[in-house]
Amino acid sequence: QCAYPSWFWKNQKMPGQYGNDRVTVMNLKVEKIFPDKNLILIKGAVPGSRNGMVIVRTAIKKKQKTSARGENS
């Protein structure tokens, strides 16, 4: 860095590695299954790159914990 400022700001957002996190997407629909071609058609936005690995499984949402602050006792 030759220009002003010639040093880094603390906690400055900088470019770096992005996209290696595991992401779970819920509420996608399985539209069609082709067992002879090993294909599953999924309706919705599937994260990841092309030819990437996708795990399809059933999921049950966790119940949200109720906070004691909102309740009058």
PDB file of N, CA and C in Angstrom:
ATOM      1  N   GLN A   1       0.828  -1.169   0.000  1.00  0.00           N
ATOM      2  CA  GLN A   1       0.000   0.000   0.000  1.00  0.00           C
ATOM      3  C   GLN A   1       0.880   1.242   0.000  1.00  0.00           C
ATOM      4  N   CYS A   2       0.922   1.883  -1.105  1.00  0.00           N
ATOM      5  CA  CYS A   2       1.753   3.073  -1.227  1.00  0.00           C
ATOM      6  C   CYS A   2       0.967   4.335  -0.894  1.00  0.00           C
ATOM      7  N   ALA A   3      -0.347   4.273  -1.028  1.00  0.00           N
ATOM      8  CA  ALA A   3      -1.152   5.465  -0.815  1.00  0.00           C
ATOM      9  C   ALA A   3      -1.547   5.573   0.659  1.00  0.00           C
ATOM     10  N   TYR A   4      -2.240   6.632   0.977  1.00  0.00           N
ATOM     11  CA  TYR A   4      -2.725   6.841   2.333  1.00  0.00           C
ATOM     12  C   TYR A   4      -3.884   5.918   2.614  1.00  0.00           C
ATOM     13  N   PRO A   5      -4.112   5.328   3.722  1.00  0.00           N
ATOM     14  CA  PRO A   5      -3.137   5.104   4.782  1.00  0.00           C
ATOM     15  C   PRO A   5      -2.274   3.903   4.433  1.00  0.00           C
ATOM     16  N   SER A   6      -1.059   3.913   4.828  1.00  0.00           N
ATOM     17  CA  SER A   6      -0.144   2.824   4.460  1.00  0.00           C
ATOM     18  C   SER A   6      -0.126   1.754   5.535  1.00  0.00           C
ATOM     19  N   TRP A   7      -1.246   1.547   6.208  1.00  0.00           N
ATOM     20  CA  TRP A   7      -1.377   0.506   7.223  1.00  0.00           C
ATOM     21  C   TRP A   7      -2.832   0.035   7.241  1.00  0.00           C
ATOM     22  N   PHE A   8      -3.102  -1.034   7.969  1.00  0.00           N
ATOM     23  CA  PHE A   8      -4.439  -1.623   8.012  1.00  0.00           C
ATOM     24  C   PHE A   8      -5.233  -1.055   9.175  1.00  0.00           C
ATOM     25  N   TRP A   9      -6.540  -0.901   8.947  1.00  0.00           N
ATOM     26  CA  TRP A   9      -7.443  -0.566  10.036  1.00  0.00           C
ATOM     27  C   TRP A   9      -7.737  -1.827  10.836  1.00  0.00           C
ATOM     28  N   LYS A  10      -7.936  -1.723  12.136  1.00  0.00           N
ATOM     29  CA  LYS A  10      -8.299  -2.874  12.951  1.00  0.00           C
ATOM     30  C   LYS A  10      -9.714  -3.317  12.580  1.00  0.00           C
ATOM     31  N   ASN A  11      -9.922  -4.628  12.541  1.00  0.00           N
ATOM     32  CA  ASN A  11     -11.228  -5.245  12.235  1.00  0.00           C
ATOM     33  C   ASN A  11     -11.780  -4.826  10.883  1.00  0.00           C
ATOM     34  N   GLN A  12     -10.918  -4.517   9.942  1.00  0.00           N
ATOM     35  CA  GLN A  12     -11.341  -4.134   8.594  1.00  0.00           C
ATOM     36  C   GLN A  12     -11.733  -5.381   7.821  1.00  0.00           C
ATOM     37  N   LYS A  13     -12.883  -5.351   7.171  1.00  0.00           N
ATOM     38  CA  LYS A  13     -13.324  -6.472   6.346  1.00  0.00           C
ATOM     39  C   LYS A  13     -12.443  -6.545   5.107  1.00  0.00           C
ATOM     40  N   MET A  14     -11.858  -7.702   4.883  1.00  0.00           N
ATOM     41  CA  MET A  14     -10.949  -7.888   3.760  1.00  0.00           C
ATOM     42  C   MET A  14     -11.388  -9.126   2.971  1.00  0.00           C
ATOM     43  N   PRO A  15     -11.022  -9.228   1.702  1.00  0.00           N
ATOM     44  CA  PRO A  15     -11.359 -10.420   0.936  1.00  0.00           C
ATOM     45  C   PRO A  15     -10.622 -11.631   1.479  1.00  0.00           C
ATOM     46  N   GLY A  16     -11.249 -12.763   1.390  1.00  0.00           N
ATOM     47  CA  GLY A  16     -10.624 -13.981   1.885  1.00  0.00           C
ATOM     48  C   GLY A  16     -11.409 -15.184   1.434  1.00  0.00           C
ATOM     49  N   GLN A  17     -11.209 -16.301   2.110  1.00  0.00           N
ATOM     50  CA  GLN A  17     -11.883 -17.536   1.736  1.00  0.00           C
ATOM     51  C   GLN A  17     -13.364 -17.413   2.042  1.00  0.00           C
ATOM     52  N   TYR A  18     -14.181 -17.854   1.116  1.00  0.00           N
ATOM     53  CA  TYR A  18     -15.621 -17.744   1.262  1.00  0.00           C
ATOM     54  C   TYR A  18     -16.276 -18.932   0.582  1.00  0.00           C
ATOM     55  N   GLY A  19     -17.206 -19.540   1.240  1.00  0.00           N
ATOM     56  CA  GLY A  19     -17.988 -20.569   0.575  1.00  0.00           C
ATOM     57  C   GLY A  19     -17.683 -21.990   0.973  1.00  0.00           C
ATOM     58  N   ASN A  20     -16.920 -22.200   2.037  1.00  0.00           N
ATOM     59  CA  ASN A  20     -16.642 -23.577   2.429  1.00  0.00           C
ATOM     60  C   ASN A  20     -17.464 -23.998   3.638  1.00  0.00           C
ATOM     61  N   ASP A  21     -18.506 -23.257   3.976  1.00  0.00           N
ATOM     62  CA  ASP A  21     -19.341 -23.591   5.115  1.00  0.00           C
ATOM     63  C   ASP A  21     -20.467 -24.527   4.684  1.00  0.00           C
ATOM     64  N   ARG A  22     -20.887 -25.382   5.609  1.00  0.00           N
ATOM     65  CA  ARG A  22     -22.017 -26.258   5.345  1.00  0.00           C
ATOM     66  C   ARG A  22     -23.296 -25.458   5.587  1.00  0.00           C
ATOM     67  N   VAL A  23     -24.211 -25.535   4.645  1.00  0.00           N
ATOM     68  CA  VAL A  23     -25.444 -24.755   4.719  1.00  0.00           C
ATOM     69  C   VAL A  23     -26.623 -25.720   4.686  1.00  0.00           C
ATOM     70  N   THR A  24     -27.592 -25.485   5.572  1.00  0.00           N
ATOM     71  CA  THR A  24     -28.820 -26.286   5.581  1.00  0.00           C
ATOM     72  C   THR A  24     -29.968 -25.419   5.094  1.00  0.00           C
ATOM     73  N   VAL A  25     -30.685 -25.910   4.094  1.00  0.00           N
ATOM     74  CA  VAL A  25     -31.838 -25.199   3.563  1.00  0.00           C
ATOM     75  C   VAL A  25     -33.051 -26.085   3.791  1.00  0.00           C
ATOM     76  N   MET A  26     -34.059 -25.513   4.433  1.00  0.00           N
ATOM     77  CA  MET A  26     -35.255 -26.296   4.733  1.00  0.00           C
ATOM     78  C   MET A  26     -36.399 -25.889   3.802  1.00  0.00           C
ATOM     79  N   ASN A  27     -37.433 -26.708   3.789  1.00  0.00           N
ATOM     80  CA  ASN A  27     -38.668 -26.473   3.042  1.00  0.00           C
ATOM     81  C   ASN A  27     -38.467 -26.494   1.527  1.00  0.00           C
ATOM     82  N   LEU A  28     -37.597 -27.357   1.024  1.00  0.00           N
ATOM     83  CA  LEU A  28     -37.470 -27.573  -0.415  1.00  0.00           C
ATOM     84  C   LEU A  28     -38.291 -28.807  -0.784  1.00  0.00           C
ATOM     85  N   LYS A  29     -38.851 -28.802  -1.969  1.00  0.00           N
ATOM     86  CA  LYS A  29     -39.696 -29.908  -2.402  1.00  0.00           C
ATOM     87  C   LYS A  29     -38.951 -30.799  -3.383  1.00  0.00           C
ATOM     88  N   VAL A  30     -39.116 -32.112  -3.225  1.00  0.00           N
ATOM     89  CA  VAL A  30     -38.610 -33.078  -4.200  1.00  0.00           C
ATOM     90  C   VAL A  30     -39.682 -33.215  -5.259  1.00  0.00           C
ATOM     91  N   GLU A  31     -39.396 -32.752  -6.471  1.00  0.00           N
ATOM     92  CA  GLU A  31     -40.385 -32.749  -7.552  1.00  0.00           C
ATOM     93  C   GLU A  31     -40.492 -34.108  -8.243  1.00  0.00           C
ATOM     94  N   LYS A  32     -39.348 -34.686  -8.595  1.00  0.00           N
ATOM     95  CA  LYS A  32     -39.370 -35.935  -9.351  1.00  0.00           C
ATOM     96  C   LYS A  32     -38.110 -36.735  -9.039  1.00  0.00           C
ATOM     97  N   ILE A  33     -38.223 -38.051  -9.114  1.00  0.00           N
ATOM     98  CA  ILE A  33     -37.082 -38.939  -8.896  1.00  0.00           C
ATOM     99  C   ILE A  33     -36.934 -39.843 -10.113  1.00  0.00           C
ATOM    100  N   PHE A  34     -35.707 -39.915 -10.655  1.00  0.00           N
ATOM    101  CA  PHE A  34     -35.383 -40.802 -11.771  1.00  0.00           C
ATOM    102  C   PHE A  34     -34.377 -41.837 -11.273  1.00  0.00           C
ATOM    103  N   PRO A  35     -34.851 -43.007 -10.783  1.00  0.00           N
ATOM    104  CA  PRO A  35     -33.913 -43.990 -10.232  1.00  0.00           C
ATOM    105  C   PRO A  35     -32.966 -44.580 -11.276  1.00  0.00           C
ATOM    106  N   ASP A  36     -33.409 -44.683 -12.541  1.00  0.00           N
ATOM    107  CA  ASP A  36     -32.547 -45.257 -13.569  1.00  0.00           C
ATOM    108  C   ASP A  36     -31.369 -44.343 -13.912  1.00  0.00           C
ATOM    109  N   LYS A  37     -31.524 -43.012 -13.724  1.00  0.00           N
ATOM    110  CA  LYS A  37     -30.453 -42.050 -14.016  1.00  0.00           C
ATOM    111  C   LYS A  37     -29.786 -41.509 -12.748  1.00  0.00           C
ATOM    112  N   ASN A  38     -30.232 -41.964 -11.574  1.00  0.00           N
ATOM    113  CA  ASN A  38     -29.733 -41.473 -10.284  1.00  0.00           C
ATOM    114  C   ASN A  38     -29.898 -39.958 -10.165  1.00  0.00           C
ATOM    115  N   LEU A  39     -31.090 -39.471 -10.512  1.00  0.00           N
ATOM    116  CA  LEU A  39     -31.369 -38.043 -10.455  1.00  0.00           C
ATOM    117  C   LEU A  39     -32.535 -37.761  -9.520  1.00  0.00           C
ATOM    118  N   ILE A  40     -32.424 -36.644  -8.796  1.00  0.00           N
ATOM    119  CA  ILE A  40     -33.516 -36.131  -7.979  1.00  0.00           C
ATOM    120  C   ILE A  40     -33.704 -34.682  -8.369  1.00  0.00           C
ATOM    121  N   LEU A  41     -34.929 -34.295  -8.752  1.00  0.00           N
ATOM    122  CA  LEU A  41     -35.229 -32.914  -9.080  1.00  0.00           C
ATOM    123  C   LEU A  41     -35.777 -32.224  -7.842  1.00  0.00           C
ATOM    124  N   ILE A  42     -35.131 -31.144  -7.417  1.00  0.00           N
ATOM    125  CA  ILE A  42     -35.515 -30.411  -6.217  1.00  0.00           C
ATOM    126  C   ILE A  42     -35.963 -29.023  -6.628  1.00  0.00           C
ATOM    127  N   LYS A  43     -37.123 -28.604  -6.129  1.00  0.00           N
ATOM    128  CA  LYS A  43     -37.645 -27.279  -6.434  1.00  0.00           C
ATOM    129  C   LYS A  43     -37.182 -26.319  -5.344  1.00  0.00           C
ATOM    130  N   GLY A  44     -36.466 -25.292  -5.754  1.00  0.00           N
ATOM    131  CA  GLY A  44     -35.979 -24.296  -4.801  1.00  0.00           C
ATOM    132  C   GLY A  44     -34.509 -24.006  -5.024  1.00  0.00           C
ATOM    133  N   ALA A  45     -33.983 -23.104  -4.230  1.00  0.00           N
ATOM    134  CA  ALA A  45     -32.590 -22.686  -4.354  1.00  0.00           C
ATOM    135  C   ALA A  45     -31.701 -23.638  -3.562  1.00  0.00           C
ATOM    136  N   VAL A  46     -30.850 -24.359  -4.269  1.00  0.00           N
ATOM    137  CA  VAL A  46     -29.911 -25.283  -3.641  1.00  0.00           C
ATOM    138  C   VAL A  46     -28.537 -24.620  -3.627  1.00  0.00           C
ATOM    139  N   PRO A  47     -27.953 -24.400  -2.441  1.00  0.00           N
ATOM    140  CA  PRO A  47     -26.658 -23.728  -2.382  1.00  0.00           C
ATOM    141  C   PRO A  47     -25.533 -24.654  -2.833  1.00  0.00           C
ATOM    142  N   GLY A  48     -24.437 -24.060  -3.261  1.00  0.00           N
ATOM    143  CA  GLY A  48     -23.268 -24.840  -3.654  1.00  0.00           C
ATOM    144  C   GLY A  48     -22.932 -24.662  -5.117  1.00  0.00           C
ATOM    145  N   SER A  49     -21.803 -25.230  -5.476  1.00  0.00           N
ATOM    146  CA  SER A  49     -21.342 -25.116  -6.853  1.00  0.00           C
ATOM    147  C   SER A  49     -21.927 -26.243  -7.695  1.00  0.00           C
ATOM    148  N   ARG A  50     -21.758 -26.130  -8.998  1.00  0.00           N
ATOM    149  CA  ARG A  50     -22.209 -27.187  -9.894  1.00  0.00           C
ATOM    150  C   ARG A  50     -21.352 -28.426  -9.653  1.00  0.00           C
ATOM    151  N   ASN A  51     -21.979 -29.576  -9.790  1.00  0.00           N
ATOM    152  CA  ASN A  51     -21.337 -30.873  -9.563  1.00  0.00           C
ATOM    153  C   ASN A  51     -20.847 -31.029  -8.132  1.00  0.00           C
ATOM    154  N   GLY A  52     -21.416 -30.259  -7.213  1.00  0.00           N
ATOM    155  CA  GLY A  52     -21.068 -30.387  -5.804  1.00  0.00           C
ATOM    156  C   GLY A  52     -21.933 -31.451  -5.145  1.00  0.00           C
ATOM    157  N   MET A  53     -21.540 -31.864  -3.947  1.00  0.00           N
ATOM    158  CA  MET A  53     -22.275 -32.885  -3.216  1.00  0.00           C
ATOM    159  C   MET A  53     -23.435 -32.238  -2.456  1.00  0.00           C
ATOM    160  N   VAL A  54     -24.602 -32.842  -2.575  1.00  0.00           N
ATOM    161  CA  VAL A  54     -25.788 -32.368  -1.878  1.00  0.00           C
ATOM    162  C   VAL A  54     -26.354 -33.537  -1.093  1.00  0.00           C
ATOM    163  N   ILE A  55     -26.642 -33.309   0.185  1.00  0.00           N
ATOM    164  CA  ILE A  55     -27.241 -34.336   1.024  1.00  0.00           C
ATOM    165  C   ILE A  55     -28.717 -33.986   1.193  1.00  0.00           C
ATOM    166  N   VAL A  56     -29.592 -34.920   0.821  1.00  0.00           N
ATOM    167  CA  VAL A  56     -31.037 -34.719   0.942  1.00  0.00           C
ATOM    168  C   VAL A  56     -31.518 -35.615   2.071  1.00  0.00           C
ATOM    169  N   ARG A  57     -32.184 -35.004   3.064  1.00  0.00           N
ATOM    170  CA  ARG A  57     -32.693 -35.786   4.178  1.00  0.00           C
ATOM    171  C   ARG A  57     -33.911 -35.094   4.764  1.00  0.00           C
ATOM    172  N   THR A  58     -34.669 -35.835   5.533  1.00  0.00           N
ATOM    173  CA  THR A  58     -35.804 -35.232   6.208  1.00  0.00           C
ATOM    174  C   THR A  58     -35.285 -34.446   7.400  1.00  0.00           C
ATOM    175  N   ALA A  59     -36.024 -33.429   7.771  1.00  0.00           N
ATOM    176  CA  ALA A  59     -35.592 -32.596   8.891  1.00  0.00           C
ATOM    177  C   ALA A  59     -36.800 -32.206   9.722  1.00  0.00           C
ATOM    178  N   ILE A  60     -36.566 -32.079  11.009  1.00  0.00           N
ATOM    179  CA  ILE A  60     -37.590 -31.622  11.936  1.00  0.00           C
ATOM    180  C   ILE A  60     -37.050 -30.372  12.604  1.00  0.00           C
ATOM    181  N   LYS A  61     -37.816 -29.297  12.530  1.00  0.00           N
ATOM    182  CA  LYS A  61     -37.371 -28.050  13.141  1.00  0.00           C
ATOM    183  C   LYS A  61     -37.375 -28.182  14.654  1.00  0.00           C
ATOM    184  N   LYS A  62     -36.378 -27.578  15.291  1.00  0.00           N
ATOM    185  CA  LYS A  62     -36.307 -27.585  16.746  1.00  0.00           C
ATOM    186  C   LYS A  62     -37.322 -26.596  17.300  1.00  0.00           C
ATOM    187  N   LYS A  63     -37.861 -26.932  18.445  1.00  0.00           N
ATOM    188  CA  LYS A  63     -38.773 -26.009  19.095  1.00  0.00           C
ATOM    189  C   LYS A  63     -37.977 -24.854  19.674  1.00  0.00           C
ATOM    190  N   GLN A  64     -38.509 -23.653  19.528  1.00  0.00           N
ATOM    191  CA  GLN A  64     -37.830 -22.483  20.050  1.00  0.00           C
ATOM    192  C   GLN A  64     -38.039 -22.409  21.546  1.00  0.00           C
ATOM    193  N   LYS A  65     -36.984 -22.021  22.259  1.00  0.00           N
ATOM    194  CA  LYS A  65     -37.073 -21.857  23.692  1.00  0.00           C
ATOM    195  C   LYS A  65     -37.814 -20.573  24.002  1.00  0.00           C
ATOM    196  N   THR A  66     -38.733 -20.644  24.967  1.00  0.00           N
ATOM    197  CA  THR A  66     -39.444 -19.440  25.362  1.00  0.00           C
ATOM    198  C   THR A  66     -38.619 -18.718  26.421  1.00  0.00           C
ATOM    199  N   SER A  67     -38.559 -17.429  26.311  1.00  0.00           N
ATOM    200  CA  SER A  67     -37.787 -16.657  27.278  1.00  0.00           C
ATOM    201  C   SER A  67     -38.665 -16.304  28.476  1.00  0.00           C
ATOM    202  N   ALA A  68     -38.047 -16.188  29.639  1.00  0.00           N
ATOM    203  CA  ALA A  68     -38.767 -15.870  30.873  1.00  0.00           C
ATOM    204  C   ALA A  68     -39.132 -14.388  30.922  1.00  0.00           C
ATOM    205  N   ARG A  69     -38.491 -13.583  30.111  1.00  0.00           N
ATOM    206  CA  ARG A  69     -38.760 -12.146  30.127  1.00  0.00           C
ATOM    207  C   ARG A  69     -40.149 -11.798  29.621  1.00  0.00           C
ATOM    208  N   GLY A  70     -40.623 -12.525  28.630  1.00  0.00           N
ATOM    209  CA  GLY A  70     -41.890 -12.211  28.008  1.00  0.00           C
ATOM    210  C   GLY A  70     -43.098 -12.651  28.813  1.00  0.00           C
ATOM    211  N   GLU A  71     -42.901 -13.513  29.792  1.00  0.00           N
ATOM    212  CA  GLU A  71     -44.015 -14.031  30.564  1.00  0.00           C
ATOM    213  C   GLU A  71     -44.233 -13.221  31.823  1.00  0.00           C
ATOM    214  N   ASN A  72     -45.478 -12.963  32.143  1.00  0.00           N
ATOM    215  CA  ASN A  72     -45.808 -12.270  33.396  1.00  0.00           C
ATOM    216  C   ASN A  72     -46.128 -13.301  34.456  1.00  0.00           C
ATOM    217  N   SER A  73     -45.461 -13.207  35.611  1.00  0.00           N
ATOM    218  CA  SER A  73     -45.723 -14.198  36.655  1.00  0.00           C
ATOM    219  C   SER A  73     -46.176 -13.561  37.940  1.00  0.00           C
TER     220      SER A  73
END
